[in-house]
């Protein structure tokens, strides 16, 4: 399995893009910590692109399910990965995810896909190839920078990013926030699913402990806007220190 099997697509260039390599703001964190929404808002305010890395694993899970594959079977996942034609937008306003010619932006958020994500994400060759995809996507983006969020972004995918942040919150707060997002589902079931997802993913990556040089933003007692401000404060202070400000 090689990374060339994945064919990323970028959204339209953003006015004022930098000719050099985009700056990377890497954001890790557990499920329900607000990574996606906070990262997207921070990217918009910075004038950066936004990469939701979890969408790739969700799209692969969707692809596997469409082919009737048992996502707990690593060999079967690798086989279906062979024709996984994936593309994602980096635009903060025009968000889309595609597998081949199919727009799966909404489909990858379905509960059946959520339940299957951990299975495909645990397959090491898949993680390696997808991580290479993320690096190519960012490197070729016609943007001044990209906010990249997901799991193991600060330690494996972009360990040398100029800004690395672990966004976290107390488990009960994360469960409450996720439950508020999924209004059609039982709160207890949402909390149980979040705990199960954390437990499964923690066997592959450590997303609860900040590595050396990674700044922690704990949003337990912060609202959404305060959390975005806290992230931007880290970006400003870190980039300012690098620029000698």
C-alpha atoms as a PDB file:
ATOM      1  CA  UNK A   1       0.000   0.000   0.000  1.00  0.00           C
ATOM      2  CA  UNK A   2       1.475   3.378  -0.951  1.00  0.00           C
ATOM      3  CA  UNK A   3       0.434   6.948  -0.378  1.00  0.00           C
ATOM      4  CA  UNK A   4       0.061   7.450  -4.149  1.00  0.00           C
ATOM      5  CA  UNK A   5      -3.216   5.572  -3.895  1.00  0.00           C
ATOM      6  CA  UNK A   6      -4.706   8.686  -2.320  1.00  0.00           C
ATOM      7  CA  UNK A   7      -5.447  11.591  -4.640  1.00  0.00           C
ATOM      8  CA  UNK A   8      -6.014  14.772  -2.634  1.00  0.00           C
ATOM      9  CA  UNK A   9      -7.768  17.806  -4.116  1.00  0.00           C
ATOM     10  CA  UNK A  10      -7.544  21.386  -2.905  1.00  0.00           C
ATOM     11  CA  UNK A  11     -10.159  24.090  -2.936  1.00  0.00           C
ATOM     12  CA  UNK A  12      -9.618  27.345  -4.844  1.00  0.00           C
ATOM     13  CA  UNK A  13      -6.586  29.459  -3.875  1.00  0.00           C
ATOM     14  CA  UNK A  14      -7.116  32.128  -1.262  1.00  0.00           C
ATOM     15  CA  UNK A  15      -6.319  35.721  -2.184  1.00  0.00           C
ATOM     16  CA  UNK A  16      -3.061  36.873  -0.666  1.00  0.00           C
ATOM     17  CA  UNK A  17      -1.563  33.381  -0.437  1.00  0.00           C
ATOM     18  CA  UNK A  18       2.102  33.074   0.389  1.00  0.00           C
ATOM     19  CA  UNK A  19       4.515  31.749  -2.224  1.00  0.00           C
ATOM     20  CA  UNK A  20       6.478  29.856   0.452  1.00  0.00           C
ATOM     21  CA  UNK A  21       5.549  26.748   2.392  1.00  0.00           C
ATOM     22  CA  UNK A  22       2.413  27.328   4.489  1.00  0.00           C
ATOM     23  CA  UNK A  23       2.851  27.777   8.237  1.00  0.00           C
ATOM     24  CA  UNK A  24       1.310  24.939  10.238  1.00  0.00           C
ATOM     25  CA  UNK A  25      -0.750  25.244  13.399  1.00  0.00           C
ATOM     26  CA  UNK A  26      -1.066  21.666  14.697  1.00  0.00           C
ATOM     27  CA  UNK A  27      -3.921  20.944  17.111  1.00  0.00           C
ATOM     28  CA  UNK A  28      -4.423  17.635  18.938  1.00  0.00           C
ATOM     29  CA  UNK A  29      -7.085  16.594  21.392  1.00  0.00           C
ATOM     30  CA  UNK A  30      -9.650  13.991  22.433  1.00  0.00           C
ATOM     31  CA  UNK A  31     -13.172  13.561  21.047  1.00  0.00           C
ATOM     32  CA  UNK A  32     -15.562  16.292  22.136  1.00  0.00           C
ATOM     33  CA  UNK A  33     -12.802  18.793  22.929  1.00  0.00           C
ATOM     34  CA  UNK A  34     -14.017  21.130  20.197  1.00  0.00           C
ATOM     35  CA  UNK A  35     -11.004  20.595  17.940  1.00  0.00           C
ATOM     36  CA  UNK A  36     -12.837  20.896  14.637  1.00  0.00           C
ATOM     37  CA  UNK A  37     -15.055  23.902  15.337  1.00  0.00           C
ATOM     38  CA  UNK A  38     -12.376  25.805  17.252  1.00  0.00           C
ATOM     39  CA  UNK A  39      -9.692  25.035  14.683  1.00  0.00           C
ATOM     40  CA  UNK A  40     -11.925  26.097  11.789  1.00  0.00           C
ATOM     41  CA  UNK A  41     -12.817  29.384  13.526  1.00  0.00           C
ATOM     42  CA  UNK A  42      -9.168  30.053  14.366  1.00  0.00           C
ATOM     43  CA  UNK A  43      -8.151  29.328  10.762  1.00  0.00           C
ATOM     44  CA  UNK A  44     -10.781  31.739   9.449  1.00  0.00           C
ATOM     45  CA  UNK A  45      -9.564  34.529  11.715  1.00  0.00           C
ATOM     46  CA  UNK A  46      -5.941  33.883  10.735  1.00  0.00           C
ATOM     47  CA  UNK A  47      -6.730  33.732   7.028  1.00  0.00           C
ATOM     48  CA  UNK A  48      -5.416  30.157   6.967  1.00  0.00           C
ATOM     49  CA  UNK A  49      -6.762  26.958   5.496  1.00  0.00           C
ATOM     50  CA  UNK A  50      -8.274  24.257   7.712  1.00  0.00           C
ATOM     51  CA  UNK A  51      -7.581  20.517   7.527  1.00  0.00           C
ATOM     52  CA  UNK A  52      -9.834  18.135   9.433  1.00  0.00           C
ATOM     53  CA  UNK A  53      -7.666  15.001   9.415  1.00  0.00           C
ATOM     54  CA  UNK A  54     -10.351  12.875  11.021  1.00  0.00           C
ATOM     55  CA  UNK A  55     -12.441  13.278   7.861  1.00  0.00           C
ATOM     56  CA  UNK A  56      -9.980  11.053   5.978  1.00  0.00           C
ATOM     57  CA  UNK A  57     -10.493   8.171   8.395  1.00  0.00           C
ATOM     58  CA  UNK A  58     -14.230   8.756   8.406  1.00  0.00           C
ATOM     59  CA  UNK A  59     -14.259   8.741   4.614  1.00  0.00           C
ATOM     60  CA  UNK A  60     -12.292   5.490   4.550  1.00  0.00           C
ATOM     61  CA  UNK A  61     -14.693   3.971   7.091  1.00  0.00           C
ATOM     62  CA  UNK A  62     -17.612   5.037   4.882  1.00  0.00           C
ATOM     63  CA  UNK A  63     -15.844   3.574   1.840  1.00  0.00           C
ATOM     64  CA  UNK A  64     -15.260   0.284   3.668  1.00  0.00           C
ATOM     65  CA  UNK A  65     -18.869   0.074   4.831  1.00  0.00           C
ATOM     66  CA  UNK A  66     -20.124   0.769   1.300  1.00  0.00           C
ATOM     67  CA  UNK A  67     -18.096  -2.241   0.186  1.00  0.00           C
ATOM     68  CA  UNK A  68     -19.459  -4.424   2.986  1.00  0.00           C
ATOM     69  CA  UNK A  69     -16.093  -4.620   4.722  1.00  0.00           C
ATOM     70  CA  UNK A  70     -15.742  -5.512   8.406  1.00  0.00           C
ATOM     71  CA  UNK A  71     -13.705  -2.550   9.658  1.00  0.00           C
ATOM     72  CA  UNK A  72     -12.293  -4.611  12.534  1.00  0.00           C
ATOM     73  CA  UNK A  73     -10.511  -6.794   9.929  1.00  0.00           C
ATOM     74  CA  UNK A  74      -7.198  -5.055   9.173  1.00  0.00           C
ATOM     75  CA  UNK A  75      -6.547  -7.148   6.066  1.00  0.00           C
ATOM     76  CA  UNK A  76      -9.949  -6.296   4.616  1.00  0.00           C
ATOM     77  CA  UNK A  77      -9.425  -2.600   5.385  1.00  0.00           C
ATOM     78  CA  UNK A  78      -6.083  -2.645   3.560  1.00  0.00           C
ATOM     79  CA  UNK A  79      -7.719  -4.269   0.548  1.00  0.00           C
ATOM     80  CA  UNK A  80     -10.504  -1.701   0.277  1.00  0.00           C
ATOM     81  CA  UNK A  81      -7.955   1.068   0.846  1.00  0.00           C
ATOM     82  CA  UNK A  82      -6.487   0.172  -2.547  1.00  0.00           C
ATOM     83  CA  UNK A  83      -9.212   2.067  -4.442  1.00  0.00           C
ATOM     84  CA  UNK A  84      -9.833   4.817  -1.881  1.00  0.00           C
ATOM     85  CA  UNK A  85      -9.922   7.960  -4.059  1.00  0.00           C
ATOM     86  CA  UNK A  86     -10.087  10.765  -1.469  1.00  0.00           C
ATOM     87  CA  UNK A  87     -10.326  14.544  -1.756  1.00  0.00           C
ATOM     88  CA  UNK A  88     -11.014  17.322   0.773  1.00  0.00           C
ATOM     89  CA  UNK A  89     -11.371  21.095   0.764  1.00  0.00           C
ATOM     90  CA  UNK A  90      -9.090  23.259   2.895  1.00  0.00           C
ATOM     91  CA  UNK A  91     -11.393  26.269   2.603  1.00  0.00           C
ATOM     92  CA  UNK A  92     -12.979  27.331   5.902  1.00  0.00           C
ATOM     93  CA  UNK A  93     -16.246  28.343   4.226  1.00  0.00           C
ATOM     94  CA  UNK A  94     -16.606  25.884   1.351  1.00  0.00           C
ATOM     95  CA  UNK A  95     -16.296  22.554   3.139  1.00  0.00           C
ATOM     96  CA  UNK A  96     -16.567  19.277   1.246  1.00  0.00           C
ATOM     97  CA  UNK A  97     -15.235  15.734   1.353  1.00  0.00           C
ATOM     98  CA  UNK A  98     -15.374  13.358  -1.616  1.00  0.00           C
ATOM     99  CA  UNK A  99     -14.634   9.730  -2.305  1.00  0.00           C
ATOM    100  CA  UNK A 100     -14.357   9.370  -6.037  1.00  0.00           C
ATOM    101  CA  UNK A 101     -17.268  11.303  -7.519  1.00  0.00           C
ATOM    102  CA  UNK A 102     -19.407  10.960  -4.372  1.00  0.00           C
ATOM    103  CA  UNK A 103     -19.827  13.895  -1.996  1.00  0.00           C
ATOM    104  CA  UNK A 104     -19.663  12.265   1.453  1.00  0.00           C
ATOM    105  CA  UNK A 105     -19.492  15.458   3.520  1.00  0.00           C
ATOM    106  CA  UNK A 106     -22.674  14.619   5.430  1.00  0.00           C
ATOM    107  CA  UNK A 107     -22.506  10.822   5.168  1.00  0.00           C
ATOM    108  CA  UNK A 108     -19.213  10.531   7.094  1.00  0.00           C
ATOM    109  CA  UNK A 109     -20.900  12.030  10.176  1.00  0.00           C
ATOM    110  CA  UNK A 110     -23.487   9.262  10.396  1.00  0.00           C
ATOM    111  CA  UNK A 111     -23.413   7.125  13.597  1.00  0.00           C
ATOM    112  CA  UNK A 112     -22.575   3.957  11.640  1.00  0.00           C
ATOM    113  CA  UNK A 113     -19.456   5.648  10.287  1.00  0.00           C
ATOM    114  CA  UNK A 114     -18.495   7.035  13.691  1.00  0.00           C
ATOM    115  CA  UNK A 115     -18.700   3.524  15.123  1.00  0.00           C
ATOM    116  CA  UNK A 116     -16.390   2.200  12.397  1.00  0.00           C
ATOM    117  CA  UNK A 117     -13.699   4.926  12.419  1.00  0.00           C
ATOM    118  CA  UNK A 118     -11.474   3.478  15.141  1.00  0.00           C
ATOM    119  CA  UNK A 119     -11.225   0.185  13.251  1.00  0.00           C
ATOM    120  CA  UNK A 120      -9.719   1.719  10.119  1.00  0.00           C
ATOM    121  CA  UNK A 121      -7.582   4.213  12.054  1.00  0.00           C
ATOM    122  CA  UNK A 122      -5.826   1.404  13.942  1.00  0.00           C
ATOM    123  CA  UNK A 123      -4.326  -0.071  10.752  1.00  0.00           C
ATOM    124  CA  UNK A 124      -0.689   1.099  10.805  1.00  0.00           C
ATOM    125  CA  UNK A 125      -0.033   1.110   7.005  1.00  0.00           C
ATOM    126  CA  UNK A 126      -3.208   3.146   6.538  1.00  0.00           C
ATOM    127  CA  UNK A 127      -2.110   5.699   9.138  1.00  0.00           C
ATOM    128  CA  UNK A 128       1.306   5.991   7.492  1.00  0.00           C
ATOM    129  CA  UNK A 129      -0.123   6.585   4.012  1.00  0.00           C
ATOM    130  CA  UNK A 130      -2.795   8.992   5.236  1.00  0.00           C
ATOM    131  CA  UNK A 131      -0.232  10.979   7.251  1.00  0.00           C
ATOM    132  CA  UNK A 132       1.835  11.391   4.089  1.00  0.00           C
ATOM    133  CA  UNK A 133      -1.305  12.602   2.332  1.00  0.00           C
ATOM    134  CA  UNK A 134      -1.821  15.257   5.001  1.00  0.00           C
ATOM    135  CA  UNK A 135       1.753  16.502   4.616  1.00  0.00           C
ATOM    136  CA  UNK A 136       1.389  16.751   0.823  1.00  0.00           C
ATOM    137  CA  UNK A 137      -1.926  18.544   1.132  1.00  0.00           C
ATOM    138  CA  UNK A 138      -0.456  21.181   3.420  1.00  0.00           C
ATOM    139  CA  UNK A 139       2.823  21.557   1.523  1.00  0.00           C
ATOM    140  CA  UNK A 140       1.010  22.187  -1.764  1.00  0.00           C
ATOM    141  CA  UNK A 141      -1.701  24.466  -0.377  1.00  0.00           C
ATOM    142  CA  UNK A 142      -1.688  27.964  -1.957  1.00  0.00           C
ATOM    143  CA  UNK A 143      -2.184  29.480   1.489  1.00  0.00           C
ATOM    144  CA  UNK A 144      -0.146  31.421   4.067  1.00  0.00           C
ATOM    145  CA  UNK A 145      -0.865  28.703   6.606  1.00  0.00           C
ATOM    146  CA  UNK A 146      -3.056  25.748   7.530  1.00  0.00           C
ATOM    147  CA  UNK A 147      -4.599  24.817  10.864  1.00  0.00           C
ATOM    148  CA  UNK A 148      -4.415  21.024  11.056  1.00  0.00           C
ATOM    149  CA  UNK A 149      -6.468  19.229  13.691  1.00  0.00           C
ATOM    150  CA  UNK A 150      -6.876  15.621  14.705  1.00  0.00           C
ATOM    151  CA  UNK A 151      -5.062  12.924  16.665  1.00  0.00           C
ATOM    152  CA  UNK A 152      -1.235  12.718  16.926  1.00  0.00           C
ATOM    153  CA  UNK A 153      -0.885  15.822  14.757  1.00  0.00           C
ATOM    154  CA  UNK A 154       1.613  17.494  17.123  1.00  0.00           C
ATOM    155  CA  UNK A 155       3.734  14.393  17.645  1.00  0.00           C
ATOM    156  CA  UNK A 156       3.638  12.308  14.444  1.00  0.00           C
ATOM    157  CA  UNK A 157       2.129  14.190  11.516  1.00  0.00           C
ATOM    158  CA  UNK A 158       3.661  17.640  12.120  1.00  0.00           C
ATOM    159  CA  UNK A 159       6.077  17.296  15.057  1.00  0.00           C
ATOM    160  CA  UNK A 160       8.106  20.278  13.777  1.00  0.00           C
ATOM    161  CA  UNK A 161       5.162  22.639  13.297  1.00  0.00           C
ATOM    162  CA  UNK A 162       5.907  26.148  14.607  1.00  0.00           C
ATOM    163  CA  UNK A 163       2.721  26.050  16.687  1.00  0.00           C
ATOM    164  CA  UNK A 164       1.567  22.869  18.432  1.00  0.00           C
ATOM    165  CA  UNK A 165      -1.454  22.837  20.734  1.00  0.00           C
ATOM    166  CA  UNK A 166      -3.229  20.184  22.796  1.00  0.00           C
ATOM    167  CA  UNK A 167      -6.870  21.243  23.131  1.00  0.00           C
ATOM    168  CA  UNK A 168      -8.614  19.405  25.923  1.00  0.00           C
ATOM    169  CA  UNK A 169     -11.427  19.581  28.480  1.00  0.00           C
ATOM    170  CA  UNK A 170     -12.743  17.509  31.376  1.00  0.00           C
ATOM    171  CA  UNK A 171     -14.410  14.247  30.216  1.00  0.00           C
ATOM    172  CA  UNK A 172     -17.849  15.245  31.518  1.00  0.00           C
ATOM    173  CA  UNK A 173     -17.629  18.602  29.719  1.00  0.00           C
ATOM    174  CA  UNK A 174     -16.608  16.941  26.467  1.00  0.00           C
ATOM    175  CA  UNK A 175     -19.502  14.496  26.765  1.00  0.00           C
ATOM    176  CA  UNK A 176     -21.979  17.316  27.435  1.00  0.00           C
ATOM    177  CA  UNK A 177     -20.753  19.289  24.425  1.00  0.00           C
ATOM    178  CA  UNK A 178     -20.924  16.296  22.121  1.00  0.00           C
ATOM    179  CA  UNK A 179     -24.418  15.506  23.402  1.00  0.00           C
ATOM    180  CA  UNK A 180     -25.509  19.086  22.647  1.00  0.00           C
ATOM    181  CA  UNK A 181     -24.244  18.671  19.075  1.00  0.00           C
ATOM    182  CA  UNK A 182     -26.080  15.369  18.597  1.00  0.00           C
ATOM    183  CA  UNK A 183     -29.519  16.456  19.789  1.00  0.00           C
ATOM    184  CA  UNK A 184     -31.262  13.413  18.327  1.00  0.00           C
ATOM    185  CA  UNK A 185     -29.254  10.975  20.470  1.00  0.00           C
ATOM    186  CA  UNK A 186     -29.525  10.018  24.134  1.00  0.00           C
ATOM    187  CA  UNK A 187     -27.010  11.892  26.349  1.00  0.00           C
ATOM    188  CA  UNK A 188     -25.920   8.724  28.155  1.00  0.00           C
ATOM    189  CA  UNK A 189     -25.383   6.930  24.851  1.00  0.00           C
ATOM    190  CA  UNK A 190     -23.329   9.839  23.523  1.00  0.00           C
ATOM    191  CA  UNK A 191     -21.146   9.854  26.659  1.00  0.00           C
ATOM    192  CA  UNK A 192     -20.661   6.088  26.412  1.00  0.00           C
ATOM    193  CA  UNK A 193     -19.726   6.345  22.731  1.00  0.00           C
ATOM    194  CA  UNK A 194     -17.235   9.115  23.460  1.00  0.00           C
ATOM    195  CA  UNK A 195     -15.624   7.079  26.234  1.00  0.00           C
ATOM    196  CA  UNK A 196     -15.455   4.030  23.946  1.00  0.00           C
ATOM    197  CA  UNK A 197     -13.877   6.094  21.157  1.00  0.00           C
ATOM    198  CA  UNK A 198     -11.270   7.559  23.522  1.00  0.00           C
ATOM    199  CA  UNK A 199     -10.424   4.100  24.864  1.00  0.00           C
ATOM    200  CA  UNK A 200     -10.063   2.614  21.381  1.00  0.00           C
ATOM    201  CA  UNK A 201      -8.025   5.476  19.959  1.00  0.00           C
ATOM    202  CA  UNK A 202      -5.740   5.637  22.996  1.00  0.00           C
ATOM    203  CA  UNK A 203      -4.347   2.238  22.019  1.00  0.00           C
ATOM    204  CA  UNK A 204      -2.941   3.862  18.869  1.00  0.00           C
ATOM    205  CA  UNK A 205      -2.060   7.446  19.842  1.00  0.00           C
ATOM    206  CA  UNK A 206      -1.597   9.432  23.043  1.00  0.00           C
ATOM    207  CA  UNK A 207      -3.916  12.406  22.633  1.00  0.00           C
ATOM    208  CA  UNK A 208      -4.314  13.295  26.322  1.00  0.00           C
ATOM    209  CA  UNK A 209      -0.707  14.112  27.196  1.00  0.00           C
ATOM    210  CA  UNK A 210       1.117  17.131  25.789  1.00  0.00           C
ATOM    211  CA  UNK A 211       4.503  16.301  24.284  1.00  0.00           C
ATOM    212  CA  UNK A 212       7.480  18.551  24.956  1.00  0.00           C
ATOM    213  CA  UNK A 213       6.956  21.947  23.354  1.00  0.00           C
ATOM    214  CA  UNK A 214       3.194  21.506  22.969  1.00  0.00           C
ATOM    215  CA  UNK A 215       1.004  24.185  24.573  1.00  0.00           C
ATOM    216  CA  UNK A 216      -2.111  23.022  26.442  1.00  0.00           C
ATOM    217  CA  UNK A 217      -5.404  24.876  26.046  1.00  0.00           C
ATOM    218  CA  UNK A 218      -7.933  23.543  28.569  1.00  0.00           C
ATOM    219  CA  UNK A 219     -11.423  24.680  27.579  1.00  0.00           C
ATOM    220  CA  UNK A 220     -13.235  23.125  30.555  1.00  0.00           C
ATOM    221  CA  UNK A 221     -14.231  26.550  31.885  1.00  0.00           C
ATOM    222  CA  UNK A 222     -14.169  28.444  28.578  1.00  0.00           C
ATOM    223  CA  UNK A 223     -16.967  29.088  26.119  1.00  0.00           C
ATOM    224  CA  UNK A 224     -16.428  28.722  22.377  1.00  0.00           C
ATOM    225  CA  UNK A 225     -15.195  32.249  21.646  1.00  0.00           C
ATOM    226  CA  UNK A 226     -12.909  32.209  24.686  1.00  0.00           C
ATOM    227  CA  UNK A 227     -11.411  28.942  23.479  1.00  0.00           C
ATOM    228  CA  UNK A 228     -10.776  30.354  19.999  1.00  0.00           C
ATOM    229  CA  UNK A 229      -9.164  33.412  21.591  1.00  0.00           C
ATOM    230  CA  UNK A 230      -6.972  31.169  23.753  1.00  0.00           C
ATOM    231  CA  UNK A 231      -5.783  29.247  20.692  1.00  0.00           C
ATOM    232  CA  UNK A 232      -5.074  32.448  18.779  1.00  0.00           C
ATOM    233  CA  UNK A 233      -3.172  33.793  21.782  1.00  0.00           C
ATOM    234  CA  UNK A 234      -0.871  30.750  21.639  1.00  0.00           C
ATOM    235  CA  UNK A 235      -0.413  31.228  17.891  1.00  0.00           C
ATOM    236  CA  UNK A 236       0.422  34.904  18.336  1.00  0.00           C
ATOM    237  CA  UNK A 237       2.836  34.395  21.215  1.00  0.00           C
ATOM    238  CA  UNK A 238       4.585  31.445  19.576  1.00  0.00           C
ATOM    239  CA  UNK A 239       4.893  32.978  16.125  1.00  0.00           C
ATOM    240  CA  UNK A 240       5.856  36.296  17.694  1.00  0.00           C
ATOM    241  CA  UNK A 241       8.674  34.627  19.624  1.00  0.00           C
ATOM    242  CA  UNK A 242       9.909  32.976  16.431  1.00  0.00           C
ATOM    243  CA  UNK A 243       9.806  36.314  14.604  1.00  0.00           C
ATOM    244  CA  UNK A 244      11.617  38.109  17.415  1.00  0.00           C
ATOM    245  CA  UNK A 245       8.585  40.172  18.432  1.00  0.00           C
END
